[in-house]
Amino acid sequence: AEANNAVRTFEDSIKAARLRGRQKVQEMKDAAHIAEKDLLERAHQGAGQEVQAVKEKIQQDMGTVRDQLKQQVQAFSKDLAQRVLGRSL
């Protein structure tokens, strides 16, 4: 009887240890999932900020190029008008 009680106690201890082990593994998985989610969120935010900066740079460059083209068109128009009219404007 005493041996049976000792075996039962031992088996209960093993079951409890396995349960604690499964709980610990689940806690670690949950923590890893949260850390992964946070990391991906930060990476996504950083990428979004970088994309926005690139868009702004492109807009600035387009404005600069547009201004340069306007100046060139004006110069070409004046040059063409002078050639067609045969005189200076």
N, C-alpha and C. Protein backbone atom coordinates (compact mmCIF):
# COMPACT_ATOMS: atom_id res chain seq x y z
N ALA A 1 0.83 -1.19 0.00
CA ALA A 1 0.00 0.00 0.00
C ALA A 1 0.87 1.24 0.00
N GLU A 2 1.89 1.20 0.83
CA GLU A 2 2.80 2.35 0.89
C GLU A 2 3.53 2.52 -0.44
N ALA A 3 3.89 1.42 -1.07
CA ALA A 3 4.56 1.47 -2.37
C ALA A 3 3.62 2.04 -3.42
N ASN A 4 2.35 1.63 -3.37
CA ASN A 4 1.36 2.16 -4.32
C ASN A 4 1.19 3.67 -4.14
N ASN A 5 1.16 4.12 -2.90
CA ASN A 5 1.05 5.56 -2.63
C ASN A 5 2.28 6.30 -3.15
N ALA A 6 3.44 5.72 -2.98
CA ALA A 6 4.67 6.34 -3.47
C ALA A 6 4.65 6.42 -4.99
N VAL A 7 4.19 5.35 -5.64
CA VAL A 7 4.11 5.34 -7.11
C VAL A 7 3.10 6.39 -7.57
N ARG A 8 1.94 6.45 -6.92
CA ARG A 8 0.92 7.42 -7.27
C ARG A 8 1.44 8.85 -7.07
N THR A 9 2.12 9.08 -6.00
CA THR A 9 2.70 10.40 -5.73
C THR A 9 3.73 10.75 -6.79
N PHE A 10 4.55 9.78 -7.15
CA PHE A 10 5.57 9.99 -8.19
C PHE A 10 4.89 10.31 -9.53
N GLU A 11 3.85 9.55 -9.89
CA GLU A 11 3.13 9.79 -11.15
C GLU A 11 2.46 11.15 -11.14
N ASP A 12 1.88 11.54 -10.02
CA ASP A 12 1.26 12.86 -9.90
C ASP A 12 2.31 13.96 -10.06
N SER A 13 3.48 13.74 -9.48
CA SER A 13 4.57 14.72 -9.61
C SER A 13 5.00 14.85 -11.06
N ILE A 14 5.09 13.74 -11.76
CA ILE A 14 5.48 13.76 -13.18
C ILE A 14 4.42 14.49 -14.00
N LYS A 15 3.14 14.19 -13.74
CA LYS A 15 2.05 14.88 -14.46
C LYS A 15 2.11 16.38 -14.22
N ALA A 16 2.33 16.77 -12.97
CA ALA A 16 2.40 18.19 -12.63
C ALA A 16 3.60 18.85 -13.32
N ALA A 17 4.73 18.14 -13.35
CA ALA A 17 5.92 18.68 -14.00
C ALA A 17 5.69 18.84 -15.50
N ARG A 18 5.03 17.84 -16.11
CA ARG A 18 4.73 17.93 -17.54
C ARG A 18 3.79 19.10 -17.82
N LEU A 19 2.80 19.27 -16.97
CA LEU A 19 1.86 20.38 -17.13
C LEU A 19 2.58 21.72 -17.02
N ARG A 20 3.44 21.85 -16.02
CA ARG A 20 4.22 23.09 -15.87
C ARG A 20 5.11 23.30 -17.09
N GLY A 21 5.69 22.22 -17.59
CA GLY A 21 6.54 22.32 -18.78
C GLY A 21 5.75 22.79 -19.99
N ARG A 22 4.55 22.23 -20.20
CA ARG A 22 3.72 22.66 -21.33
C ARG A 22 3.30 24.12 -21.18
N GLN A 23 2.98 24.51 -19.94
CA GLN A 23 2.59 25.90 -19.70
C GLN A 23 3.76 26.84 -19.99
N LYS A 24 4.94 26.44 -19.56
CA LYS A 24 6.14 27.27 -19.79
C LYS A 24 6.42 27.39 -21.28
N VAL A 25 6.30 26.27 -22.01
CA VAL A 25 6.51 26.29 -23.46
C VAL A 25 5.50 27.23 -24.11
N GLN A 26 4.24 27.15 -23.69
CA GLN A 26 3.21 28.03 -24.26
C GLN A 26 3.49 29.49 -23.94
N GLU A 27 3.93 29.78 -22.72
CA GLU A 27 4.29 31.15 -22.35
C GLU A 27 5.43 31.66 -23.24
N MET A 28 6.41 30.81 -23.48
CA MET A 28 7.54 31.21 -24.32
C MET A 28 7.08 31.44 -25.77
N LYS A 29 6.19 30.58 -26.26
CA LYS A 29 5.65 30.77 -27.61
C LYS A 29 4.88 32.08 -27.71
N ASP A 30 4.06 32.35 -26.69
CA ASP A 30 3.28 33.59 -26.68
C ASP A 30 4.20 34.81 -26.66
N ALA A 31 5.23 34.76 -25.83
CA ALA A 31 6.19 35.87 -25.76
C ALA A 31 6.91 36.04 -27.08
N ALA A 32 7.29 34.95 -27.71
CA ALA A 32 7.98 35.02 -29.01
C ALA A 32 7.05 35.59 -30.07
N HIS A 33 5.79 35.20 -30.02
CA HIS A 33 4.81 35.72 -30.99
C HIS A 33 4.64 37.23 -30.82
N ILE A 34 4.54 37.68 -29.59
CA ILE A 34 4.40 39.12 -29.32
C ILE A 34 5.65 39.87 -29.78
N ALA A 35 6.82 39.33 -29.49
CA ALA A 35 8.07 39.97 -29.91
C ALA A 35 8.14 40.04 -31.43
N GLU A 36 7.76 38.96 -32.10
CA GLU A 36 7.78 38.94 -33.57
C GLU A 36 6.82 39.98 -34.13
N LYS A 37 5.63 40.05 -33.55
CA LYS A 37 4.63 41.01 -34.00
C LYS A 37 5.14 42.45 -33.83
N ASP A 38 5.74 42.73 -32.69
CA ASP A 38 6.30 44.07 -32.44
C ASP A 38 7.41 44.40 -33.43
N LEU A 39 8.27 43.44 -33.67
CA LEU A 39 9.38 43.64 -34.61
C LEU A 39 8.86 43.92 -36.01
N LEU A 40 7.89 43.14 -36.45
CA LEU A 40 7.32 43.35 -37.78
C LEU A 40 6.60 44.69 -37.88
N GLU A 41 5.93 45.08 -36.81
CA GLU A 41 5.23 46.36 -36.80
C GLU A 41 6.23 47.52 -36.91
N ARG A 42 7.32 47.43 -36.15
CA ARG A 42 8.34 48.49 -36.23
C ARG A 42 8.97 48.53 -37.62
N ALA A 43 9.23 47.37 -38.19
CA ALA A 43 9.81 47.32 -39.54
C ALA A 43 8.85 47.91 -40.55
N HIS A 44 7.57 47.61 -40.40
CA HIS A 44 6.56 48.14 -41.32
C HIS A 44 6.47 49.67 -41.20
N GLN A 45 6.50 50.16 -39.97
CA GLN A 45 6.45 51.61 -39.76
C GLN A 45 7.68 52.28 -40.37
N GLY A 46 8.84 51.67 -40.15
CA GLY A 46 10.07 52.23 -40.72
C GLY A 46 10.02 52.25 -42.23
N ALA A 47 9.52 51.18 -42.82
CA ALA A 47 9.41 51.11 -44.27
C ALA A 47 8.42 52.15 -44.78
N GLY A 48 7.33 52.32 -44.05
CA GLY A 48 6.34 53.32 -44.45
C GLY A 48 6.92 54.73 -44.42
N GLN A 49 7.71 55.02 -43.41
CA GLN A 49 8.34 56.33 -43.31
C GLN A 49 9.35 56.52 -44.44
N GLU A 50 10.07 55.47 -44.76
CA GLU A 50 11.06 55.56 -45.84
C GLU A 50 10.36 55.77 -47.18
N VAL A 51 9.27 55.07 -47.41
CA VAL A 51 8.51 55.24 -48.64
C VAL A 51 7.99 56.67 -48.74
N GLN A 52 7.49 57.20 -47.64
CA GLN A 52 6.98 58.57 -47.63
C GLN A 52 8.10 59.56 -47.95
N ALA A 53 9.27 59.36 -47.39
CA ALA A 53 10.41 60.24 -47.67
C ALA A 53 10.79 60.19 -49.14
N VAL A 54 10.77 58.99 -49.72
CA VAL A 54 11.11 58.85 -51.14
C VAL A 54 10.06 59.55 -52.00
N LYS A 55 8.78 59.41 -51.64
CA LYS A 55 7.71 60.08 -52.39
C LYS A 55 7.90 61.60 -52.36
N GLU A 56 8.23 62.12 -51.17
CA GLU A 56 8.44 63.56 -51.04
C GLU A 56 9.63 64.02 -51.89
N LYS A 57 10.69 63.24 -51.90
CA LYS A 57 11.88 63.57 -52.70
C LYS A 57 11.52 63.56 -54.18
N ILE A 58 10.74 62.58 -54.61
CA ILE A 58 10.32 62.51 -56.01
C ILE A 58 9.49 63.74 -56.37
N GLN A 59 8.58 64.14 -55.49
CA GLN A 59 7.76 65.33 -55.74
C GLN A 59 8.64 66.58 -55.88
N GLN A 60 9.63 66.70 -55.00
CA GLN A 60 10.54 67.84 -55.08
C GLN A 60 11.31 67.82 -56.40
N ASP A 61 11.83 66.65 -56.76
CA ASP A 61 12.59 66.52 -58.00
C ASP A 61 11.72 66.82 -59.21
N MET A 62 10.47 66.37 -59.18
CA MET A 62 9.56 66.65 -60.30
C MET A 62 9.31 68.14 -60.43
N GLY A 63 9.16 68.83 -59.31
CA GLY A 63 8.96 70.28 -59.35
C GLY A 63 10.17 70.98 -59.93
N THR A 64 11.35 70.56 -59.53
CA THR A 64 12.59 71.15 -60.05
C THR A 64 12.70 70.92 -61.55
N VAL A 65 12.46 69.69 -61.98
CA VAL A 65 12.55 69.36 -63.40
C VAL A 65 11.50 70.14 -64.19
N ARG A 66 10.29 70.25 -63.65
CA ARG A 66 9.22 70.99 -64.32
C ARG A 66 9.64 72.45 -64.52
N ASP A 67 10.22 73.06 -63.50
CA ASP A 67 10.67 74.45 -63.61
C ASP A 67 11.76 74.59 -64.66
N GLN A 68 12.69 73.65 -64.67
CA GLN A 68 13.77 73.69 -65.66
C GLN A 68 13.22 73.53 -67.08
N LEU A 69 12.26 72.64 -67.25
CA LEU A 69 11.67 72.44 -68.57
C LEU A 69 10.91 73.68 -69.03
N LYS A 70 10.21 74.35 -68.11
CA LYS A 70 9.51 75.58 -68.48
C LYS A 70 10.49 76.63 -68.99
N GLN A 71 11.62 76.75 -68.30
CA GLN A 71 12.63 77.71 -68.73
C GLN A 71 13.18 77.35 -70.10
N GLN A 72 13.42 76.06 -70.33
CA GLN A 72 13.95 75.63 -71.62
C GLN A 72 12.92 75.85 -72.73
N VAL A 73 11.65 75.58 -72.44
CA VAL A 73 10.59 75.79 -73.44
C VAL A 73 10.51 77.27 -73.80
N GLN A 74 10.61 78.14 -72.80
CA GLN A 74 10.57 79.57 -73.08
C GLN A 74 11.76 79.98 -73.95
N ALA A 75 12.93 79.46 -73.63
CA ALA A 75 14.12 79.80 -74.41
C ALA A 75 13.99 79.26 -75.83
N PHE A 76 13.53 78.03 -75.99
CA PHE A 76 13.36 77.45 -77.32
C PHE A 76 12.30 78.21 -78.12
N SER A 77 11.21 78.60 -77.44
CA SER A 77 10.15 79.34 -78.11
C SER A 77 10.66 80.68 -78.62
N LYS A 78 11.41 81.36 -77.78
CA LYS A 78 11.97 82.66 -78.17
C LYS A 78 12.94 82.48 -79.34
N ASP A 79 13.80 81.48 -79.26
CA ASP A 79 14.76 81.21 -80.33
C ASP A 79 14.04 80.88 -81.63
N LEU A 80 12.99 80.06 -81.56
CA LEU A 80 12.24 79.68 -82.75
C LEU A 80 11.53 80.89 -83.35
N ALA A 81 10.92 81.73 -82.49
CA ALA A 81 10.24 82.93 -82.97
C ALA A 81 11.23 83.86 -83.66
N GLN A 82 12.43 84.01 -83.11
CA GLN A 82 13.44 84.87 -83.72
C GLN A 82 13.86 84.32 -85.08
N ARG A 83 13.98 83.03 -85.21
CA ARG A 83 14.38 82.43 -86.49
C ARG A 83 13.26 82.58 -87.53
N VAL A 84 12.01 82.37 -87.09
CA VAL A 84 10.89 82.48 -88.02
C VAL A 84 10.72 83.93 -88.47
N LEU A 85 10.80 84.86 -87.54
CA LEU A 85 10.62 86.27 -87.86
C LEU A 85 11.87 86.88 -88.49
N GLY A 86 12.98 86.25 -88.27
CA GLY A 86 14.23 86.76 -88.81
C GLY A 86 14.74 87.99 -88.09
N ARG A 87 14.30 88.19 -86.90
CA ARG A 87 14.78 89.34 -86.13
C ARG A 87 14.80 88.99 -84.64
N SER A 88 15.41 89.86 -83.86
CA SER A 88 15.53 89.66 -82.42
C SER A 88 14.25 90.12 -81.73
N LEU A 89 13.88 89.43 -80.65
CA LEU A 89 12.68 89.84 -79.91
C LEU A 89 13.01 90.68 -78.72
